[in-house]
């Protein structure tokens, strides 16, 4: 029992924290925008991990850069859905947003 509980905690914690859209409204909005764009492409398969860097000005977060890791086509379509320079209102500042995209 003593070894089972820590192993269970380690296995479950990684899957819960794999995407920022579960706890950040800006990330949730960005992921929804990407998923709407991906619905148009039915032949895509794979995944893409997007890293979106934000810069904060007053009460807005501005997208500075978007980097992707994973399937080339999924990342290409995902990057096109978010424009560099677009701004979003946030509740708490976060410099880097990580999104796991699966079509």
N, C-alpha and C. Protein backbone atom coordinates (compact mmCIF):
# COMPACT_ATOMS: atom_id res chain seq x y z
N UNK A 1 0.82 -1.20 0.00
CA UNK A 1 0.00 0.00 0.00
C UNK A 1 0.87 1.26 0.00
N UNK A 2 2.00 1.20 0.70
CA UNK A 2 2.85 2.38 0.78
C UNK A 2 3.46 2.75 -0.57
N UNK A 3 3.84 1.78 -1.35
CA UNK A 3 4.43 2.08 -2.65
C UNK A 3 3.38 2.31 -3.72
N UNK A 4 2.19 1.79 -3.54
CA UNK A 4 1.14 1.94 -4.53
C UNK A 4 0.63 3.38 -4.61
N UNK A 5 0.45 4.03 -3.48
CA UNK A 5 -0.10 5.38 -3.45
C UNK A 5 0.81 6.40 -4.13
N UNK A 6 2.12 6.47 -3.84
CA UNK A 6 2.97 7.43 -4.55
C UNK A 6 3.05 7.17 -6.06
N UNK A 7 3.06 5.91 -6.45
CA UNK A 7 3.09 5.60 -7.88
C UNK A 7 1.80 6.06 -8.55
N UNK A 8 0.69 5.85 -7.90
CA UNK A 8 -0.60 6.29 -8.43
C UNK A 8 -0.66 7.81 -8.55
N UNK A 9 -0.14 8.51 -7.58
CA UNK A 9 -0.13 9.99 -7.62
C UNK A 9 0.74 10.48 -8.77
N UNK A 10 1.90 9.89 -8.96
CA UNK A 10 2.79 10.30 -10.05
C UNK A 10 2.18 10.05 -11.42
N UNK A 11 1.52 8.94 -11.58
CA UNK A 11 0.92 8.61 -12.87
C UNK A 11 -0.27 9.52 -13.19
N UNK A 12 -1.07 9.84 -12.21
CA UNK A 12 -2.26 10.64 -12.44
C UNK A 12 -1.95 12.13 -12.58
N UNK A 13 -0.94 12.62 -11.91
CA UNK A 13 -0.67 14.06 -11.91
C UNK A 13 -0.19 14.55 -13.27
N UNK A 14 0.56 13.76 -14.01
CA UNK A 14 1.05 14.17 -15.32
C UNK A 14 -0.05 14.32 -16.34
N UNK A 15 -1.03 13.45 -16.31
CA UNK A 15 -2.11 13.52 -17.28
C UNK A 15 -3.06 14.68 -17.00
N UNK A 16 -3.18 15.06 -15.76
CA UNK A 16 -4.06 16.17 -15.40
C UNK A 16 -3.44 17.50 -15.82
N UNK A 17 -2.13 17.63 -15.68
CA UNK A 17 -1.46 18.89 -15.96
C UNK A 17 -0.90 18.97 -17.38
N UNK A 18 -1.31 18.10 -18.26
CA UNK A 18 -0.73 18.09 -19.60
C UNK A 18 -1.23 19.22 -20.49
N UNK A 19 -2.29 19.88 -20.12
CA UNK A 19 -2.87 20.93 -20.95
C UNK A 19 -3.30 22.09 -20.06
N UNK A 20 -2.97 23.32 -20.49
CA UNK A 20 -3.32 24.50 -19.70
C UNK A 20 -4.78 24.91 -19.88
N UNK A 21 -5.48 24.34 -20.83
CA UNK A 21 -6.87 24.74 -21.10
C UNK A 21 -7.81 24.32 -19.97
N UNK A 22 -7.39 23.41 -19.10
CA UNK A 22 -8.25 22.99 -18.00
C UNK A 22 -8.32 24.03 -16.89
N UNK A 23 -7.30 24.89 -16.77
CA UNK A 23 -7.30 25.84 -15.66
C UNK A 23 -7.09 27.30 -16.07
N UNK A 24 -6.92 27.57 -17.35
CA UNK A 24 -6.66 28.93 -17.81
C UNK A 24 -7.68 29.29 -18.90
N UNK A 25 -8.40 30.40 -18.69
CA UNK A 25 -9.45 30.79 -19.64
C UNK A 25 -8.90 31.20 -21.00
N UNK A 26 -7.74 31.85 -21.02
CA UNK A 26 -7.14 32.26 -22.29
C UNK A 26 -6.75 31.01 -23.08
N UNK A 27 -6.16 30.03 -22.41
CA UNK A 27 -5.78 28.79 -23.08
C UNK A 27 -7.00 28.03 -23.59
N UNK A 28 -8.07 28.07 -22.82
CA UNK A 28 -9.31 27.40 -23.23
C UNK A 28 -9.88 28.06 -24.49
N UNK A 29 -9.83 29.38 -24.53
CA UNK A 29 -10.32 30.12 -25.69
C UNK A 29 -9.47 29.84 -26.93
N UNK A 30 -8.14 29.79 -26.75
CA UNK A 30 -7.24 29.49 -27.86
C UNK A 30 -7.45 28.07 -28.37
N UNK A 31 -7.61 27.12 -27.46
CA UNK A 31 -7.80 25.73 -27.87
C UNK A 31 -9.12 25.56 -28.62
N UNK A 32 -10.16 26.24 -28.18
CA UNK A 32 -11.45 26.17 -28.86
C UNK A 32 -11.34 26.73 -30.29
N UNK A 33 -10.61 27.82 -30.42
CA UNK A 33 -10.40 28.43 -31.74
C UNK A 33 -9.66 27.46 -32.67
N UNK A 34 -8.66 26.77 -32.14
CA UNK A 34 -7.89 25.81 -32.93
C UNK A 34 -8.75 24.61 -33.31
N UNK A 35 -9.54 24.12 -32.36
CA UNK A 35 -10.39 22.96 -32.65
C UNK A 35 -11.44 23.27 -33.71
N UNK A 36 -11.96 24.49 -33.74
CA UNK A 36 -12.90 24.87 -34.80
C UNK A 36 -12.22 24.85 -36.16
N UNK A 37 -10.98 25.30 -36.21
CA UNK A 37 -10.23 25.31 -37.47
C UNK A 37 -9.91 23.88 -37.92
N UNK A 38 -9.60 22.99 -36.97
CA UNK A 38 -9.24 21.61 -37.31
C UNK A 38 -10.44 20.79 -37.78
N UNK A 39 -11.67 21.20 -37.44
CA UNK A 39 -12.85 20.46 -37.88
C UNK A 39 -13.00 20.49 -39.40
N UNK A 40 -12.43 21.50 -40.05
CA UNK A 40 -12.52 21.61 -41.50
C UNK A 40 -11.64 20.59 -42.21
N UNK A 41 -10.64 20.06 -41.50
CA UNK A 41 -9.70 19.11 -42.09
C UNK A 41 -9.97 17.73 -41.49
N UNK A 42 -10.62 16.86 -42.25
CA UNK A 42 -10.99 15.55 -41.74
C UNK A 42 -9.89 14.51 -41.91
N UNK A 43 -8.91 14.77 -42.77
CA UNK A 43 -7.88 13.78 -43.06
C UNK A 43 -6.65 13.89 -42.15
N UNK A 44 -6.65 14.77 -41.17
CA UNK A 44 -5.50 14.94 -40.29
C UNK A 44 -5.50 13.88 -39.19
N UNK A 45 -4.31 13.41 -38.86
CA UNK A 45 -4.17 12.50 -37.73
C UNK A 45 -2.86 12.83 -37.02
N UNK A 46 -2.75 12.44 -35.78
CA UNK A 46 -1.56 12.72 -35.00
C UNK A 46 -1.89 13.69 -33.88
N UNK A 47 -0.87 14.38 -33.41
CA UNK A 47 -1.05 15.35 -32.33
C UNK A 47 -0.08 16.50 -32.54
N UNK A 48 -0.31 17.57 -31.79
CA UNK A 48 0.60 18.71 -31.81
C UNK A 48 0.62 19.34 -30.41
N UNK A 49 1.80 19.54 -29.88
CA UNK A 49 1.96 20.28 -28.63
C UNK A 49 2.35 21.70 -29.00
N UNK A 50 1.46 22.65 -28.71
CA UNK A 50 1.72 24.05 -29.01
C UNK A 50 2.21 24.76 -27.77
N UNK A 51 3.22 25.59 -27.94
CA UNK A 51 3.73 26.44 -26.88
C UNK A 51 3.54 27.87 -27.32
N UNK A 52 2.68 28.58 -26.63
CA UNK A 52 2.32 29.94 -27.00
C UNK A 52 2.91 30.90 -25.98
N UNK A 53 3.80 31.77 -26.44
CA UNK A 53 4.44 32.73 -25.55
C UNK A 53 3.63 34.02 -25.56
N UNK A 54 3.34 34.52 -24.37
CA UNK A 54 2.52 35.73 -24.22
C UNK A 54 3.33 36.84 -23.55
N UNK A 55 3.03 38.07 -23.93
CA UNK A 55 3.59 39.25 -23.27
C UNK A 55 2.41 40.03 -22.73
N UNK A 56 2.53 40.54 -21.52
CA UNK A 56 1.40 41.17 -20.85
C UNK A 56 1.53 42.69 -20.89
N UNK A 57 0.47 43.32 -21.36
CA UNK A 57 0.38 44.78 -21.43
C UNK A 57 -0.94 45.19 -20.80
N UNK A 58 -0.84 45.91 -19.70
CA UNK A 58 -2.01 46.33 -18.92
C UNK A 58 -2.85 45.11 -18.55
N UNK A 59 -4.07 44.99 -19.02
CA UNK A 59 -4.90 43.84 -18.66
C UNK A 59 -5.07 42.86 -19.83
N UNK A 60 -4.21 42.98 -20.83
CA UNK A 60 -4.29 42.11 -22.01
C UNK A 60 -3.01 41.30 -22.16
N UNK A 61 -3.17 40.08 -22.65
CA UNK A 61 -2.04 39.22 -22.98
C UNK A 61 -1.92 39.18 -24.50
N UNK A 62 -0.74 39.50 -25.01
CA UNK A 62 -0.50 39.56 -26.45
C UNK A 62 0.36 38.36 -26.86
N UNK A 63 -0.03 37.68 -27.93
CA UNK A 63 0.72 36.52 -28.42
C UNK A 63 1.99 37.01 -29.09
N UNK A 64 3.14 36.52 -28.61
CA UNK A 64 4.43 36.92 -29.14
C UNK A 64 4.95 35.87 -30.12
N UNK A 65 4.89 34.59 -29.74
CA UNK A 65 5.36 33.54 -30.64
C UNK A 65 4.59 32.25 -30.39
N UNK A 66 4.56 31.42 -31.41
CA UNK A 66 3.89 30.12 -31.35
C UNK A 66 4.86 29.07 -31.86
N UNK A 67 5.14 28.08 -31.03
CA UNK A 67 6.03 26.99 -31.43
C UNK A 67 5.28 25.68 -31.29
N UNK A 68 5.51 24.77 -32.21
CA UNK A 68 4.80 23.50 -32.20
C UNK A 68 5.74 22.32 -32.26
N UNK A 69 5.28 21.22 -31.70
CA UNK A 69 6.04 19.98 -31.70
C UNK A 69 5.07 18.84 -31.93
N UNK A 70 5.32 18.03 -32.95
CA UNK A 70 4.42 16.92 -33.26
C UNK A 70 4.24 16.78 -34.75
N UNK A 71 3.07 16.32 -35.16
CA UNK A 71 2.76 16.12 -36.57
C UNK A 71 2.78 17.46 -37.31
N UNK A 72 3.48 17.50 -38.44
CA UNK A 72 3.69 18.75 -39.16
C UNK A 72 2.38 19.39 -39.61
N UNK A 73 1.48 18.61 -40.22
CA UNK A 73 0.24 19.17 -40.75
C UNK A 73 -0.67 19.70 -39.65
N UNK A 74 -0.78 18.96 -38.54
CA UNK A 74 -1.63 19.40 -37.43
C UNK A 74 -1.08 20.69 -36.83
N UNK A 75 0.24 20.76 -36.67
CA UNK A 75 0.86 21.97 -36.12
C UNK A 75 0.70 23.16 -37.07
N UNK A 76 0.80 22.91 -38.36
CA UNK A 76 0.68 23.99 -39.35
C UNK A 76 -0.72 24.61 -39.30
N UNK A 77 -1.74 23.77 -39.27
CA UNK A 77 -3.12 24.27 -39.21
C UNK A 77 -3.38 24.96 -37.87
N UNK A 78 -2.84 24.41 -36.80
CA UNK A 78 -3.03 24.99 -35.46
C UNK A 78 -2.37 26.35 -35.35
N UNK A 79 -1.18 26.49 -35.92
CA UNK A 79 -0.48 27.78 -35.86
C UNK A 79 -1.21 28.84 -36.67
N UNK A 80 -1.83 28.44 -37.77
CA UNK A 80 -2.57 29.41 -38.60
C UNK A 80 -3.83 29.91 -37.91
N UNK A 81 -4.36 29.15 -36.97
CA UNK A 81 -5.59 29.56 -36.29
C UNK A 81 -5.35 30.70 -35.32
N UNK A 82 -4.14 30.82 -34.81
CA UNK A 82 -3.80 31.87 -33.84
C UNK A 82 -2.85 32.85 -34.51
N UNK A 83 -3.18 34.11 -34.47
CA UNK A 83 -2.34 35.13 -35.09
C UNK A 83 -1.39 35.72 -34.05
N UNK A 84 -0.13 35.91 -34.45
CA UNK A 84 0.83 36.59 -33.60
C UNK A 84 0.42 38.06 -33.52
N UNK A 85 0.37 38.59 -32.32
CA UNK A 85 -0.05 39.98 -32.12
C UNK A 85 -1.48 40.10 -31.62
N UNK A 86 -2.25 39.01 -31.66
CA UNK A 86 -3.62 39.08 -31.14
C UNK A 86 -3.59 39.16 -29.62
N UNK A 87 -4.56 39.85 -29.05
CA UNK A 87 -4.56 40.06 -27.60
C UNK A 87 -5.82 39.47 -26.97
N UNK A 88 -5.65 39.02 -25.74
CA UNK A 88 -6.73 38.39 -24.98
C UNK A 88 -6.70 38.92 -23.55
N UNK A 89 -7.88 39.12 -22.99
CA UNK A 89 -7.96 39.57 -21.61
C UNK A 89 -7.77 38.37 -20.69
N UNK A 90 -7.01 38.55 -19.62
CA UNK A 90 -6.69 37.44 -18.73
C UNK A 90 -7.06 37.77 -17.29
N UNK A 91 -7.15 36.72 -16.46
CA UNK A 91 -7.41 36.89 -15.04
C UNK A 91 -6.11 36.90 -14.25
N UNK A 92 -5.19 36.01 -14.59
CA UNK A 92 -3.88 36.01 -13.96
C UNK A 92 -2.83 35.80 -15.05
N UNK A 93 -1.68 36.48 -14.94
CA UNK A 93 -0.69 36.44 -16.01
C UNK A 93 0.02 35.09 -16.09
N UNK A 94 0.24 34.66 -17.32
CA UNK A 94 1.00 33.44 -17.58
C UNK A 94 1.80 33.66 -18.85
N UNK A 95 3.10 33.50 -18.77
CA UNK A 95 3.96 33.79 -19.91
C UNK A 95 3.88 32.73 -20.99
N UNK A 96 3.83 31.46 -20.60
CA UNK A 96 3.85 30.37 -21.57
C UNK A 96 2.62 29.49 -21.38
N UNK A 97 1.91 29.26 -22.48
CA UNK A 97 0.73 28.39 -22.46
C UNK A 97 1.04 27.15 -23.28
N UNK A 98 0.76 26.00 -22.74
CA UNK A 98 0.98 24.73 -23.44
C UNK A 98 -0.37 24.10 -23.76
N UNK A 99 -0.57 23.77 -25.04
CA UNK A 99 -1.80 23.13 -25.48
C UNK A 99 -1.47 21.83 -26.18
N UNK A 100 -2.21 20.79 -25.86
CA UNK A 100 -2.07 19.49 -26.52
C UNK A 100 -3.25 19.35 -27.47
N UNK A 101 -2.98 19.36 -28.77
CA UNK A 101 -4.00 19.35 -29.80
C UNK A 101 -4.06 17.97 -30.45
N UNK A 102 -5.25 17.37 -30.45
CA UNK A 102 -5.48 16.11 -31.14
C UNK A 102 -6.73 16.28 -31.99
N UNK A 103 -6.62 16.15 -33.33
CA UNK A 103 -7.81 16.33 -34.17
C UNK A 103 -8.81 15.21 -34.03
